[in-house]
Amino acid sequence: MGLLDKLTGTKYPDSGVVPLPTMELRAALLALNESDVPFRVRNAIPAEKADLVAECQIRLLRRGSSRYLAAPRRPHTTGLRHT
């Protein structure tokens, strides 16, 4: 793992692990979409330069008088590309 891989969060499988075919992996990731999960996986648009996009809502905490209050959710997007 190189420095760029560490900075971008790229991870590689252990040796001997057989990768899934692209379409099987895509189907498995898209099957994660349920109504009771705080994220969704969708096909990317060309401008996103990815194959799939995973989006989730992150609730930020902010300081209030004597306790932490939940701030509005902010979307977080991660692009996924199969190589």
N, C-alpha and C. Protein backbone atom coordinates (compact mmCIF):
# COMPACT_ATOMS: atom_id res chain seq x y z
N MET A 1 0.85 -1.16 0.00
CA MET A 1 0.00 0.00 0.00
C MET A 1 0.90 1.24 0.00
N GLY A 2 0.68 2.09 -0.99
CA GLY A 2 1.48 3.30 -1.10
C GLY A 2 0.88 4.45 -0.32
N LEU A 3 1.59 5.56 -0.31
CA LEU A 3 1.14 6.75 0.42
C LEU A 3 -0.17 7.27 -0.16
N LEU A 4 -0.27 7.30 -1.49
CA LEU A 4 -1.50 7.79 -2.12
C LEU A 4 -2.69 6.91 -1.75
N ASP A 5 -2.48 5.60 -1.73
CA ASP A 5 -3.55 4.67 -1.33
C ASP A 5 -3.98 4.94 0.11
N LYS A 6 -3.04 5.22 0.96
CA LYS A 6 -3.36 5.50 2.37
C LYS A 6 -4.17 6.79 2.49
N LEU A 7 -3.78 7.81 1.70
CA LEU A 7 -4.48 9.10 1.76
C LEU A 7 -5.90 9.01 1.19
N THR A 8 -6.09 8.20 0.14
CA THR A 8 -7.40 8.09 -0.49
C THR A 8 -8.27 7.02 0.13
N GLY A 9 -7.71 6.21 1.02
CA GLY A 9 -8.49 5.17 1.68
C GLY A 9 -8.63 3.91 0.85
N THR A 10 -7.80 3.75 -0.19
CA THR A 10 -7.87 2.56 -1.03
C THR A 10 -7.37 1.35 -0.27
N LYS A 11 -8.13 0.27 -0.33
CA LYS A 11 -7.73 -0.97 0.33
C LYS A 11 -7.74 -2.09 -0.69
N TYR A 12 -6.83 -3.02 -0.54
CA TYR A 12 -6.70 -4.15 -1.44
C TYR A 12 -6.97 -5.43 -0.67
N PRO A 13 -7.53 -6.46 -1.34
CA PRO A 13 -7.81 -7.72 -0.65
C PRO A 13 -6.53 -8.48 -0.32
N ASP A 14 -6.64 -9.38 0.65
CA ASP A 14 -5.51 -10.25 0.99
C ASP A 14 -5.21 -11.14 -0.21
N SER A 15 -3.98 -11.63 -0.28
CA SER A 15 -3.62 -12.52 -1.38
C SER A 15 -4.44 -13.80 -1.27
N GLY A 16 -4.82 -14.34 -2.40
CA GLY A 16 -5.61 -15.56 -2.42
C GLY A 16 -7.11 -15.34 -2.42
N VAL A 17 -7.56 -14.10 -2.24
CA VAL A 17 -8.99 -13.80 -2.26
C VAL A 17 -9.43 -13.62 -3.71
N VAL A 18 -10.43 -14.36 -4.12
CA VAL A 18 -10.93 -14.28 -5.49
C VAL A 18 -11.95 -13.15 -5.57
N PRO A 19 -11.73 -12.16 -6.45
CA PRO A 19 -12.67 -11.05 -6.55
C PRO A 19 -13.99 -11.49 -7.20
N LEU A 20 -15.07 -10.81 -6.81
CA LEU A 20 -16.37 -11.06 -7.42
C LEU A 20 -16.41 -10.46 -8.81
N PRO A 21 -17.17 -11.05 -9.71
CA PRO A 21 -17.37 -10.40 -11.01
C PRO A 21 -18.05 -9.03 -10.81
N THR A 22 -17.76 -8.11 -11.70
CA THR A 22 -18.26 -6.74 -11.57
C THR A 22 -19.77 -6.66 -11.42
N MET A 23 -20.51 -7.38 -12.26
CA MET A 23 -21.96 -7.29 -12.20
C MET A 23 -22.52 -7.90 -10.92
N GLU A 24 -21.88 -8.94 -10.41
CA GLU A 24 -22.32 -9.54 -9.15
C GLU A 24 -22.07 -8.59 -7.98
N LEU A 25 -20.93 -7.92 -7.98
CA LEU A 25 -20.62 -6.93 -6.95
C LEU A 25 -21.59 -5.76 -7.00
N ARG A 26 -21.86 -5.27 -8.21
CA ARG A 26 -22.80 -4.16 -8.38
C ARG A 26 -24.18 -4.55 -7.85
N ALA A 27 -24.65 -5.74 -8.19
CA ALA A 27 -25.96 -6.19 -7.74
C ALA A 27 -26.01 -6.32 -6.21
N ALA A 28 -24.92 -6.81 -5.61
CA ALA A 28 -24.88 -6.97 -4.15
C ALA A 28 -24.92 -5.61 -3.46
N LEU A 29 -24.19 -4.62 -3.99
CA LEU A 29 -24.19 -3.29 -3.38
C LEU A 29 -25.53 -2.58 -3.55
N LEU A 30 -26.13 -2.70 -4.74
CA LEU A 30 -27.43 -2.07 -4.96
C LEU A 30 -28.53 -2.75 -4.13
N ALA A 31 -28.34 -4.01 -3.77
CA ALA A 31 -29.33 -4.72 -2.95
C ALA A 31 -29.32 -4.24 -1.50
N LEU A 32 -28.32 -3.45 -1.11
CA LEU A 32 -28.27 -2.92 0.25
C LEU A 32 -29.32 -1.85 0.50
N ASN A 33 -29.89 -1.30 -0.57
CA ASN A 33 -30.89 -0.24 -0.42
C ASN A 33 -32.15 -0.80 0.24
N GLU A 34 -32.46 -0.30 1.40
CA GLU A 34 -33.66 -0.66 2.14
C GLU A 34 -34.23 0.62 2.72
N SER A 35 -35.47 0.59 3.13
CA SER A 35 -36.08 1.79 3.69
C SER A 35 -35.62 2.08 5.12
N ASP A 36 -35.07 1.07 5.80
CA ASP A 36 -34.70 1.27 7.20
C ASP A 36 -33.20 1.50 7.41
N VAL A 37 -32.46 1.78 6.36
CA VAL A 37 -31.03 2.05 6.51
C VAL A 37 -30.77 3.53 6.24
N PRO A 38 -29.77 4.13 6.90
CA PRO A 38 -29.52 5.57 6.75
C PRO A 38 -28.66 5.91 5.54
N PHE A 39 -28.61 5.02 4.55
CA PHE A 39 -27.80 5.28 3.37
C PHE A 39 -28.50 4.71 2.14
N ARG A 40 -27.97 5.07 0.97
CA ARG A 40 -28.44 4.46 -0.27
C ARG A 40 -27.27 4.34 -1.22
N VAL A 41 -27.33 3.34 -2.07
CA VAL A 41 -26.32 3.12 -3.11
C VAL A 41 -27.03 3.29 -4.44
N ARG A 42 -26.43 4.07 -5.33
CA ARG A 42 -27.06 4.34 -6.62
C ARG A 42 -26.01 4.36 -7.72
N ASN A 43 -26.47 4.29 -8.96
CA ASN A 43 -25.58 4.41 -10.10
C ASN A 43 -25.09 5.86 -10.17
N ALA A 44 -23.83 6.03 -10.50
CA ALA A 44 -23.26 7.37 -10.57
C ALA A 44 -23.58 8.02 -11.91
N ILE A 45 -23.61 9.34 -11.91
CA ILE A 45 -23.73 10.08 -13.16
C ILE A 45 -22.31 10.34 -13.67
N PRO A 46 -22.13 10.58 -14.97
CA PRO A 46 -20.78 10.73 -15.52
C PRO A 46 -19.93 11.81 -14.83
N ALA A 47 -20.54 12.88 -14.35
CA ALA A 47 -19.78 13.95 -13.71
C ALA A 47 -19.15 13.51 -12.40
N GLU A 48 -19.66 12.42 -11.78
CA GLU A 48 -19.13 11.95 -10.50
C GLU A 48 -17.90 11.07 -10.67
N LYS A 49 -17.60 10.66 -11.90
CA LYS A 49 -16.41 9.85 -12.20
C LYS A 49 -16.32 8.62 -11.31
N ALA A 50 -17.41 7.90 -11.19
CA ALA A 50 -17.47 6.68 -10.38
C ALA A 50 -18.46 5.73 -11.04
N ASP A 51 -18.45 4.49 -10.61
CA ASP A 51 -19.42 3.51 -11.11
C ASP A 51 -20.69 3.54 -10.26
N LEU A 52 -20.51 3.55 -8.95
CA LEU A 52 -21.61 3.62 -8.00
C LEU A 52 -21.31 4.73 -6.99
N VAL A 53 -22.36 5.25 -6.37
CA VAL A 53 -22.20 6.27 -5.34
C VAL A 53 -22.97 5.81 -4.10
N ALA A 54 -22.31 5.86 -2.95
CA ALA A 54 -22.96 5.56 -1.68
C ALA A 54 -23.16 6.88 -0.94
N GLU A 55 -24.38 7.15 -0.56
CA GLU A 55 -24.71 8.39 0.15
C GLU A 55 -25.31 8.04 1.50
N CYS A 56 -24.91 8.78 2.51
CA CYS A 56 -25.52 8.59 3.83
C CYS A 56 -25.73 9.95 4.48
N GLN A 57 -26.63 9.98 5.43
CA GLN A 57 -26.91 11.20 6.16
C GLN A 57 -26.16 11.15 7.48
N ILE A 58 -25.35 12.14 7.74
CA ILE A 58 -24.57 12.20 8.97
C ILE A 58 -25.16 13.27 9.87
N ARG A 59 -25.50 12.88 11.07
CA ARG A 59 -26.04 13.84 12.03
C ARG A 59 -24.85 14.43 12.81
N LEU A 60 -24.68 15.72 12.68
CA LEU A 60 -23.60 16.41 13.37
C LEU A 60 -24.06 16.85 14.75
N LEU A 61 -23.16 16.82 15.68
CA LEU A 61 -23.48 17.30 17.03
C LEU A 61 -22.94 18.71 17.20
N ARG A 62 -23.71 19.56 17.81
CA ARG A 62 -23.24 20.91 18.09
C ARG A 62 -23.47 21.19 19.56
N ARG A 63 -22.69 22.07 20.06
CA ARG A 63 -22.79 22.38 21.49
C ARG A 63 -23.97 23.28 21.75
N GLY A 64 -24.71 22.94 22.76
CA GLY A 64 -25.83 23.76 23.20
C GLY A 64 -25.60 24.09 24.66
N SER A 65 -26.47 24.79 25.26
CA SER A 65 -26.31 25.25 26.63
C SER A 65 -25.56 24.27 27.53
N SER A 66 -26.19 23.19 27.92
CA SER A 66 -25.51 22.26 28.82
C SER A 66 -25.43 20.86 28.24
N ARG A 67 -25.86 20.70 27.00
CA ARG A 67 -25.81 19.38 26.38
C ARG A 67 -25.54 19.53 24.88
N TYR A 68 -25.21 18.44 24.27
CA TYR A 68 -25.01 18.46 22.83
C TYR A 68 -26.35 18.29 22.14
N LEU A 69 -26.60 19.11 21.16
CA LEU A 69 -27.85 19.05 20.41
C LEU A 69 -27.57 18.49 19.03
N ALA A 70 -28.50 17.74 18.49
CA ALA A 70 -28.33 17.19 17.16
C ALA A 70 -28.62 18.27 16.12
N ALA A 71 -27.66 18.49 15.25
CA ALA A 71 -27.83 19.45 14.17
C ALA A 71 -28.53 18.74 13.01
N PRO A 72 -29.01 19.50 12.03
CA PRO A 72 -29.63 18.86 10.87
C PRO A 72 -28.64 17.92 10.18
N ARG A 73 -29.18 16.91 9.53
CA ARG A 73 -28.32 15.94 8.84
C ARG A 73 -27.70 16.56 7.61
N ARG A 74 -26.48 16.16 7.35
CA ARG A 74 -25.72 16.66 6.21
C ARG A 74 -25.35 15.45 5.36
N PRO A 75 -25.56 15.50 4.05
CA PRO A 75 -25.24 14.33 3.23
C PRO A 75 -23.74 14.12 3.07
N HIS A 76 -23.34 12.87 3.03
CA HIS A 76 -21.95 12.50 2.78
C HIS A 76 -21.98 11.54 1.60
N THR A 77 -21.17 11.79 0.57
CA THR A 77 -21.17 10.99 -0.63
C THR A 77 -19.80 10.38 -0.86
N THR A 78 -19.79 9.09 -1.23
CA THR A 78 -18.55 8.38 -1.54
C THR A 78 -18.73 7.70 -2.89
N GLY A 79 -17.79 7.95 -3.81
CA GLY A 79 -17.84 7.30 -5.11
C GLY A 79 -17.10 5.97 -5.06
N LEU A 80 -17.64 4.97 -5.76
CA LEU A 80 -17.04 3.64 -5.79
C LEU A 80 -16.72 3.29 -7.23
N ARG A 81 -15.49 2.87 -7.47
CA ARG A 81 -15.10 2.46 -8.83
C ARG A 81 -14.47 1.09 -8.76
N HIS A 82 -14.95 0.19 -9.59
CA HIS A 82 -14.41 -1.18 -9.65
C HIS A 82 -13.31 -1.19 -10.70
N THR A 83 -12.13 -1.67 -10.32
CA THR A 83 -11.01 -1.72 -11.27
C THR A 83 -10.70 -3.13 -11.68
